[in-house]
């Protein structure tokens, strides 16, 4: 199982109890240092999200990842996710092919529709075309990946008539995952296309996603895609500290603040400590606790979903201090990951 980190380069205060905010320059420098540390620690993947709102500094993920590529040697560098519905697939491919060349074959695209809507008016698209945009642009992105010269036409972009798209990446094919927060059509689409699946599970119980993951696997097999390339990954909010209570206390304040703010936009109730503790429980989505507790929970999640190929931690909402964030990354790499891998090997034997 691959284990990694995702970030949205959130520009929250470094400490949720502090009203001061990191400068944008410092936050992005910190993100680059986090990518570099993840590589040194032996983590498998680092992902950068894509948002187009004030609270996040990740509107150009390929740029950040390219800067991270120059500082690293082995870690895979992924989007988390690329908001494909509001992007030009030609430019997306060119950016990530360039990243692949800079990183010597370590780039990945996780293509999704995004959980916020700002990108649609910003780039001149109608939200009512949400599904059609994604379907059409994914089709074009895959055609560009698989063909140097492309002939294609659609509703939302001028046609291509035998035009070449350059540069071409080191990896052939460039890895493209389908990223989803739980839309059944996305699980079905990933299975039909034979693409790996990354599921964002940020609330509820992980087992609730099992029927959708099963739908993906059944569809994938029915289409006779290569079984060795079928992958399911899970992106979850998480934070690890020396003790379970310490992790719970340090992550809660920032988590509650961030999700209460988002909830005000979406009509959710404010986050309570009881809600949070339920999510930290054995079957809840949050990977928050001590190393042994979090490792055991990852194993349970993997069993509930029929086996996971990748798990990534998203720690931005906690707004913990920089020192604590870096220590959490160290614990994930040096204590959580070894426990998970040892137990998976034992289970296989």
Protein backbone atom coordinates (compact mmCIF):
# COMPACT_ATOMS: atom_id res chain seq x y z
CA UNK A 1 0.00 0.00 0.00
CA UNK A 2 1.25 3.48 -0.90
CA UNK A 3 0.92 6.12 1.82
CA UNK A 4 1.21 9.84 1.21
CA UNK A 5 0.17 13.40 1.95
CA UNK A 6 -2.27 15.75 0.21
CA UNK A 7 -2.45 19.49 0.78
CA UNK A 8 -4.58 22.36 -0.45
CA UNK A 9 -1.93 24.89 0.65
CA UNK A 10 -4.51 26.29 3.02
CA UNK A 11 -3.75 29.84 4.10
CA UNK A 12 -5.21 29.45 7.59
CA UNK A 13 -3.51 30.69 10.73
CA UNK A 14 -0.63 28.44 11.71
CA UNK A 15 -2.39 27.89 15.02
CA UNK A 16 -6.24 27.95 15.23
CA UNK A 17 -6.03 29.89 18.49
CA UNK A 18 -3.89 32.58 16.84
CA UNK A 19 -5.51 35.25 14.69
CA UNK A 20 -2.29 35.83 12.75
CA UNK A 21 -2.07 34.27 9.32
CA UNK A 22 0.99 33.02 7.50
CA UNK A 23 1.89 35.15 4.49
CA UNK A 24 1.08 33.56 1.16
CA UNK A 25 4.78 33.52 0.31
CA UNK A 26 5.66 31.70 3.52
CA UNK A 27 2.85 29.17 3.16
CA UNK A 28 3.99 28.15 -0.31
CA UNK A 29 7.59 27.91 0.83
CA UNK A 30 6.36 25.67 3.64
CA UNK A 31 4.49 23.45 1.17
CA UNK A 32 7.69 22.95 -0.80
CA UNK A 33 9.51 22.03 2.39
CA UNK A 34 6.74 19.54 3.19
CA UNK A 35 7.15 17.89 -0.23
CA UNK A 36 10.88 17.70 0.32
CA UNK A 37 10.44 16.20 3.80
CA UNK A 38 7.90 13.65 2.53
CA UNK A 39 10.45 12.51 -0.04
CA UNK A 40 13.23 12.22 2.56
CA UNK A 41 10.95 10.29 4.91
CA UNK A 42 10.17 7.72 2.22
CA UNK A 43 6.48 8.53 1.75
CA UNK A 44 5.13 7.42 -1.62
CA UNK A 45 3.12 10.32 -2.97
CA UNK A 46 2.43 14.02 -2.41
CA UNK A 47 -0.71 15.57 -3.86
CA UNK A 48 -1.68 19.22 -4.41
CA UNK A 49 -5.36 20.11 -4.70
CA UNK A 50 -6.94 22.76 -6.91
CA UNK A 51 -9.17 25.53 -5.60
CA UNK A 52 -10.00 29.03 -6.74
CA UNK A 53 -10.87 30.75 -3.47
CA UNK A 54 -9.10 32.95 -0.95
CA UNK A 55 -8.53 30.30 1.73
CA UNK A 56 -6.33 28.13 -0.51
CA UNK A 57 -3.17 28.79 -2.52
CA UNK A 58 -3.39 25.82 -4.88
CA UNK A 59 -4.98 27.31 -7.99
CA UNK A 60 -1.92 26.22 -10.05
CA UNK A 61 -1.03 22.75 -8.70
CA UNK A 62 1.29 21.78 -11.56
CA UNK A 63 3.47 24.82 -10.82
CA UNK A 64 3.82 23.88 -7.14
CA UNK A 65 4.49 20.24 -8.00
CA UNK A 66 7.16 21.23 -10.53
CA UNK A 67 8.92 23.28 -7.87
CA UNK A 68 8.65 20.25 -5.57
CA UNK A 69 10.04 17.98 -8.30
CA UNK A 70 13.25 19.99 -8.39
CA UNK A 71 13.75 19.32 -4.66
CA UNK A 72 12.94 15.61 -4.64
CA UNK A 73 14.17 12.32 -6.11
CA UNK A 74 11.62 9.53 -5.72
CA UNK A 75 8.23 10.64 -4.39
CA UNK A 76 5.32 10.60 -6.84
CA UNK A 77 3.73 14.01 -7.49
CA UNK A 78 -0.02 14.16 -8.10
CA UNK A 79 -2.90 16.55 -8.43
CA UNK A 80 -5.55 16.12 -5.77
CA UNK A 81 -7.70 16.81 -7.75
CA UNK A 82 -7.42 18.58 -11.11
CA UNK A 83 -10.76 20.36 -11.61
CA UNK A 84 -11.12 19.05 -15.15
CA UNK A 85 -14.62 20.39 -15.77
CA UNK A 86 -13.31 23.96 -15.80
CA UNK A 87 -9.95 23.30 -17.47
CA UNK A 88 -8.65 22.87 -21.00
CA UNK A 89 -7.55 19.22 -21.32
CA UNK A 90 -4.82 20.20 -23.79
CA UNK A 91 -3.21 22.52 -21.23
CA UNK A 92 -3.73 20.04 -18.39
CA UNK A 93 -1.90 17.37 -20.36
CA UNK A 94 0.90 19.75 -21.37
CA UNK A 95 1.41 20.90 -17.78
CA UNK A 96 1.57 17.41 -16.34
CA UNK A 97 3.65 16.04 -19.22
CA UNK A 98 6.12 18.85 -18.49
CA UNK A 99 6.01 17.94 -14.79
CA UNK A 100 6.66 14.33 -15.74
CA UNK A 101 9.75 15.35 -17.70
CA UNK A 102 11.05 17.57 -14.89
CA UNK A 103 10.49 14.82 -12.30
CA UNK A 104 11.82 12.02 -14.51
CA UNK A 105 8.52 10.15 -14.64
CA UNK A 106 6.82 10.84 -11.31
CA UNK A 107 3.72 12.85 -12.31
CA UNK A 108 0.10 11.76 -11.93
CA UNK A 109 -3.25 13.39 -12.63
CA UNK A 110 -6.24 12.76 -10.39
CA UNK A 111 -9.09 14.16 -12.50
CA UNK A 112 -12.28 15.25 -10.77
CA UNK A 113 -15.00 17.85 -10.78
CA UNK A 114 -14.06 19.57 -7.53
CA UNK A 115 -16.14 20.18 -4.43
CA UNK A 116 -16.46 23.96 -4.88
CA UNK A 117 -18.05 25.86 -7.75
CA UNK A 118 -15.90 29.02 -8.10
CA UNK A 119 -14.01 27.65 -11.12
CA UNK A 120 -17.12 27.58 -13.31
CA UNK A 121 -17.93 31.30 -13.50
CA UNK A 122 -14.21 32.15 -13.26
CA UNK A 123 -13.48 30.32 -16.51
CA UNK A 124 -16.77 31.10 -18.22
CA UNK A 125 -18.67 27.83 -17.80
CA UNK A 126 -22.25 27.18 -16.73
CA UNK A 127 -22.75 25.13 -13.58
CA UNK A 128 -25.73 23.49 -15.27
CA UNK A 129 -23.22 21.80 -17.60
CA UNK A 130 -21.36 20.28 -14.63
CA UNK A 131 -21.66 16.64 -15.74
CA UNK A 132 -21.42 17.16 -19.49
CA UNK A 133 -18.27 19.27 -19.15
CA UNK A 134 -16.50 16.62 -17.11
CA UNK A 135 -17.45 13.73 -19.36
CA UNK A 136 -16.39 15.52 -22.52
CA UNK A 137 -13.12 16.85 -21.14
CA UNK A 138 -12.12 13.52 -19.65
CA UNK A 139 -12.69 11.94 -23.05
CA UNK A 140 -10.39 14.49 -24.68
CA UNK A 141 -7.72 14.18 -21.97
CA UNK A 142 -7.56 10.41 -22.44
CA UNK A 143 -7.37 10.74 -26.23
CA UNK A 144 -4.46 13.17 -25.88
CA UNK A 145 -2.74 10.82 -23.47
CA UNK A 146 -3.07 7.87 -25.82
CA UNK A 147 -2.37 9.66 -29.14
CA UNK A 148 0.35 12.12 -30.09
CA UNK A 149 -1.88 13.59 -32.79
CA UNK A 150 -5.55 14.02 -32.01
CA UNK A 151 -8.71 14.38 -34.06
CA UNK A 152 -11.64 15.25 -31.80
CA UNK A 153 -14.75 17.42 -31.57
CA UNK A 154 -17.16 18.29 -28.77
CA UNK A 155 -19.58 20.91 -27.44
CA UNK A 156 -17.38 22.99 -25.17
CA UNK A 157 -14.08 23.35 -26.99
CA UNK A 158 -12.96 24.01 -30.58
CA UNK A 159 -12.23 20.75 -32.43
CA UNK A 160 -8.80 19.25 -33.03
CA UNK A 161 -8.02 17.98 -36.52
CA UNK A 162 -4.95 15.79 -36.44
CA UNK A 163 -3.04 18.23 -34.25
CA UNK A 164 -0.08 17.17 -32.13
CA UNK A 165 -0.04 17.85 -28.40
CA UNK A 166 3.42 18.33 -26.89
CA UNK A 167 5.52 17.65 -24.93
CA UNK A 168 5.01 13.93 -24.43
CA UNK A 169 5.67 12.56 -20.93
CA UNK A 170 8.29 10.09 -19.74
CA UNK A 171 5.59 7.68 -18.57
CA UNK A 172 3.57 5.98 -21.27
CA UNK A 173 0.79 6.18 -20.40
CA UNK A 174 0.80 9.13 -18.02
CA UNK A 175 -1.17 7.90 -14.95
CA UNK A 176 -4.67 9.36 -14.76
CA UNK A 177 -6.93 8.52 -11.81
CA UNK A 178 -10.62 9.32 -11.43
CA UNK A 179 -11.18 11.35 -8.26
CA UNK A 180 -14.62 11.31 -6.65
CA UNK A 181 -16.33 12.26 -3.43
CA UNK A 182 -19.04 9.63 -3.81
CA UNK A 183 -20.92 10.20 -7.08
CA UNK A 184 -22.01 6.75 -8.35
CA UNK A 185 -21.48 7.80 -11.98
CA UNK A 186 -17.81 8.43 -11.25
CA UNK A 187 -17.27 4.92 -9.88
CA UNK A 188 -19.03 3.48 -12.91
CA UNK A 189 -17.05 5.69 -15.30
CA UNK A 190 -13.70 4.70 -13.76
CA UNK A 191 -14.60 1.04 -14.12
CA UNK A 192 -15.72 1.40 -17.74
CA UNK A 193 -12.57 3.28 -18.70
CA UNK A 194 -10.23 1.02 -16.77
CA UNK A 195 -8.77 3.86 -14.71
CA UNK A 196 -7.60 3.78 -11.09
CA UNK A 197 -10.02 5.28 -8.56
CA UNK A 198 -9.28 7.79 -5.78
CA UNK A 199 -12.14 8.22 -3.31
CA UNK A 200 -12.27 11.26 -1.03
CA UNK A 201 -13.82 10.05 2.24
CA UNK A 202 -14.02 13.04 4.57
CA UNK A 203 -17.12 12.17 6.55
CA UNK A 204 -19.52 9.40 7.45
CA UNK A 205 -18.45 5.78 7.72
CA UNK A 206 -15.96 4.32 5.28
CA UNK A 207 -17.98 1.11 4.91
CA UNK A 208 -20.80 3.15 3.37
CA UNK A 209 -18.63 3.53 0.27
CA UNK A 210 -18.15 -0.22 -0.13
CA UNK A 211 -21.09 -0.77 -2.56
CA UNK A 212 -19.76 1.99 -4.82
CA UNK A 213 -16.22 0.59 -4.79
CA UNK A 214 -17.70 -2.82 -5.53
CA UNK A 215 -19.56 -1.29 -8.49
CA UNK A 216 -16.23 0.05 -9.77
CA UNK A 217 -14.52 -3.33 -9.47
CA UNK A 218 -17.36 -5.27 -11.08
CA UNK A 219 -17.56 -2.84 -13.98
CA UNK A 220 -13.77 -2.86 -14.43
CA UNK A 221 -13.70 -6.66 -14.59
CA UNK A 222 -16.72 -6.85 -16.88
CA UNK A 223 -14.89 -4.62 -19.37
CA UNK A 224 -11.88 -7.00 -19.29
CA UNK A 225 -9.35 -4.35 -18.32
CA UNK A 226 -5.96 -5.61 -17.02
CA UNK A 227 -6.54 -6.74 -13.43
CA UNK A 228 -3.09 -5.64 -12.34
CA UNK A 229 -3.90 -2.01 -13.11
CA UNK A 230 -7.11 -1.85 -11.04
CA UNK A 231 -6.43 0.41 -8.06
CA UNK A 232 -8.53 1.99 -5.32
CA UNK A 233 -7.10 4.84 -3.27
CA UNK A 234 -8.58 6.74 -0.32
CA UNK A 235 -8.03 10.41 0.53
CA UNK A 236 -9.01 11.19 4.12
CA UNK A 237 -8.58 13.90 6.69
CA UNK A 238 -5.97 12.79 9.17
CA UNK A 239 -3.43 13.74 11.81
CA UNK A 240 -1.10 11.66 13.97
CA UNK A 241 0.46 12.56 17.33
CA UNK A 242 2.27 10.62 20.04
CA UNK A 243 -0.98 9.89 21.90
CA UNK A 244 -4.57 9.56 20.75
CA UNK A 245 -5.79 12.31 23.08
CA UNK A 246 -3.07 14.69 21.95
CA UNK A 247 -3.97 14.10 18.29
CA UNK A 248 -7.67 14.59 18.98
CA UNK A 249 -7.17 17.81 20.93
CA UNK A 250 -4.65 19.36 18.54
CA UNK A 251 -6.62 18.68 15.36
CA UNK A 252 -10.13 19.47 16.59
CA UNK A 253 -10.12 23.26 16.85
CA UNK A 254 -8.94 23.95 13.32
CA UNK A 255 -11.05 21.12 11.89
CA UNK A 256 -14.21 22.45 13.56
CA UNK A 257 -13.48 26.00 12.44
CA UNK A 258 -12.86 25.02 8.81
CA UNK A 259 -15.86 22.71 8.45
CA UNK A 260 -18.23 25.02 10.28
CA UNK A 261 -17.25 27.75 7.81
CA UNK A 262 -17.84 25.45 4.83
CA UNK A 263 -21.07 24.29 6.48
CA UNK A 264 -22.37 27.85 6.55
CA UNK A 265 -22.11 27.88 2.74
CA UNK A 266 -23.74 24.47 2.32
CA UNK A 267 -26.37 24.42 5.03
CA UNK A 268 -24.60 22.00 7.41
CA UNK A 269 -24.92 22.22 11.17
CA UNK A 270 -21.87 23.54 13.09
CA UNK A 271 -19.32 20.86 13.98
CA UNK A 272 -19.48 19.65 17.58
CA UNK A 273 -16.89 17.72 19.55
CA UNK A 274 -19.31 14.78 19.70
CA UNK A 275 -19.57 14.76 15.88
CA UNK A 276 -15.81 14.84 15.66
CA UNK A 277 -15.28 12.01 18.13
CA UNK A 278 -17.79 9.88 16.25
CA UNK A 279 -15.75 10.40 13.09
CA UNK A 280 -12.62 9.45 15.00
CA UNK A 281 -14.24 6.21 16.13
CA UNK A 282 -13.44 2.76 14.74
CA UNK A 283 -15.62 3.06 11.63
CA UNK A 284 -15.62 6.84 11.08
CA UNK A 285 -13.72 8.56 8.29
CA UNK A 286 -11.15 10.57 10.26
CA UNK A 287 -7.62 9.16 10.57
CA UNK A 288 -6.83 11.04 13.78
CA UNK A 289 -5.01 9.35 16.66
CA UNK A 290 -1.74 7.79 17.74
CA UNK A 291 0.33 5.79 15.21
CA UNK A 292 -0.95 2.36 16.22
CA UNK A 293 -4.57 3.52 16.31
CA UNK A 294 -4.34 5.15 12.87
CA UNK A 295 -2.53 2.15 11.36
CA UNK A 296 -5.25 -0.20 12.64
CA UNK A 297 -7.90 2.09 11.22
CA UNK A 298 -6.26 2.15 7.80
CA UNK A 299 -6.31 -1.66 7.82
CA UNK A 300 -10.01 -1.62 8.75
CA UNK A 301 -10.75 0.86 5.97
CA UNK A 302 -8.86 -1.31 3.50
CA UNK A 303 -10.80 -4.40 4.56
CA UNK A 304 -14.12 -2.52 4.37
CA UNK A 305 -13.37 -1.40 0.81
CA UNK A 306 -12.00 -4.72 -0.41
CA UNK A 307 -8.36 -3.61 -0.41
CA UNK A 308 -6.68 -0.25 -0.91
CA UNK A 309 -3.69 0.55 -3.09
CA UNK A 310 -3.11 4.05 -1.68
CA UNK A 311 -4.05 6.15 1.35
CA UNK A 312 -3.34 9.89 1.56
CA UNK A 313 -3.64 12.15 4.59
CA UNK A 314 -5.09 15.64 4.28
CA UNK A 315 -4.10 17.69 7.35
CA UNK A 316 -4.89 21.26 6.23
CA UNK A 317 -8.19 21.67 8.13
CA UNK A 318 -6.50 21.10 11.48
CA UNK A 319 -4.45 24.29 11.19
CA UNK A 320 -1.89 22.86 13.61
CA UNK A 321 1.43 24.58 14.14
CA UNK A 322 4.14 23.92 11.60
CA UNK A 323 6.25 21.98 14.08
CA UNK A 324 3.34 19.67 14.89
CA UNK A 325 2.46 19.20 11.21
CA UNK A 326 5.99 18.13 10.33
CA UNK A 327 6.12 15.79 13.33
CA UNK A 328 2.85 14.23 12.23
CA UNK A 329 4.31 13.58 8.77
CA UNK A 330 7.30 11.93 10.43
CA UNK A 331 5.05 9.69 12.53
CA UNK A 332 3.04 8.70 9.45
CA UNK A 333 6.21 7.72 7.59
CA UNK A 334 8.18 6.07 10.38
CA UNK A 335 5.49 4.47 12.52
CA UNK A 336 2.12 4.28 10.74
CA UNK A 337 3.34 3.09 7.33
CA UNK A 338 5.56 0.26 8.67
CA UNK A 339 2.73 -1.11 10.83
CA UNK A 340 0.28 -1.03 7.92
CA UNK A 341 2.65 -2.75 5.52
CA UNK A 342 3.73 -5.41 8.00
CA UNK A 343 0.13 -6.30 8.81
CA UNK A 344 -0.84 -6.41 5.15
CA UNK A 345 2.01 -8.80 4.43
CA UNK A 346 0.95 -10.96 7.39
CA UNK A 347 -2.64 -11.00 6.15
CA UNK A 348 -1.55 -12.06 2.67
CA UNK A 349 0.51 -14.90 4.08
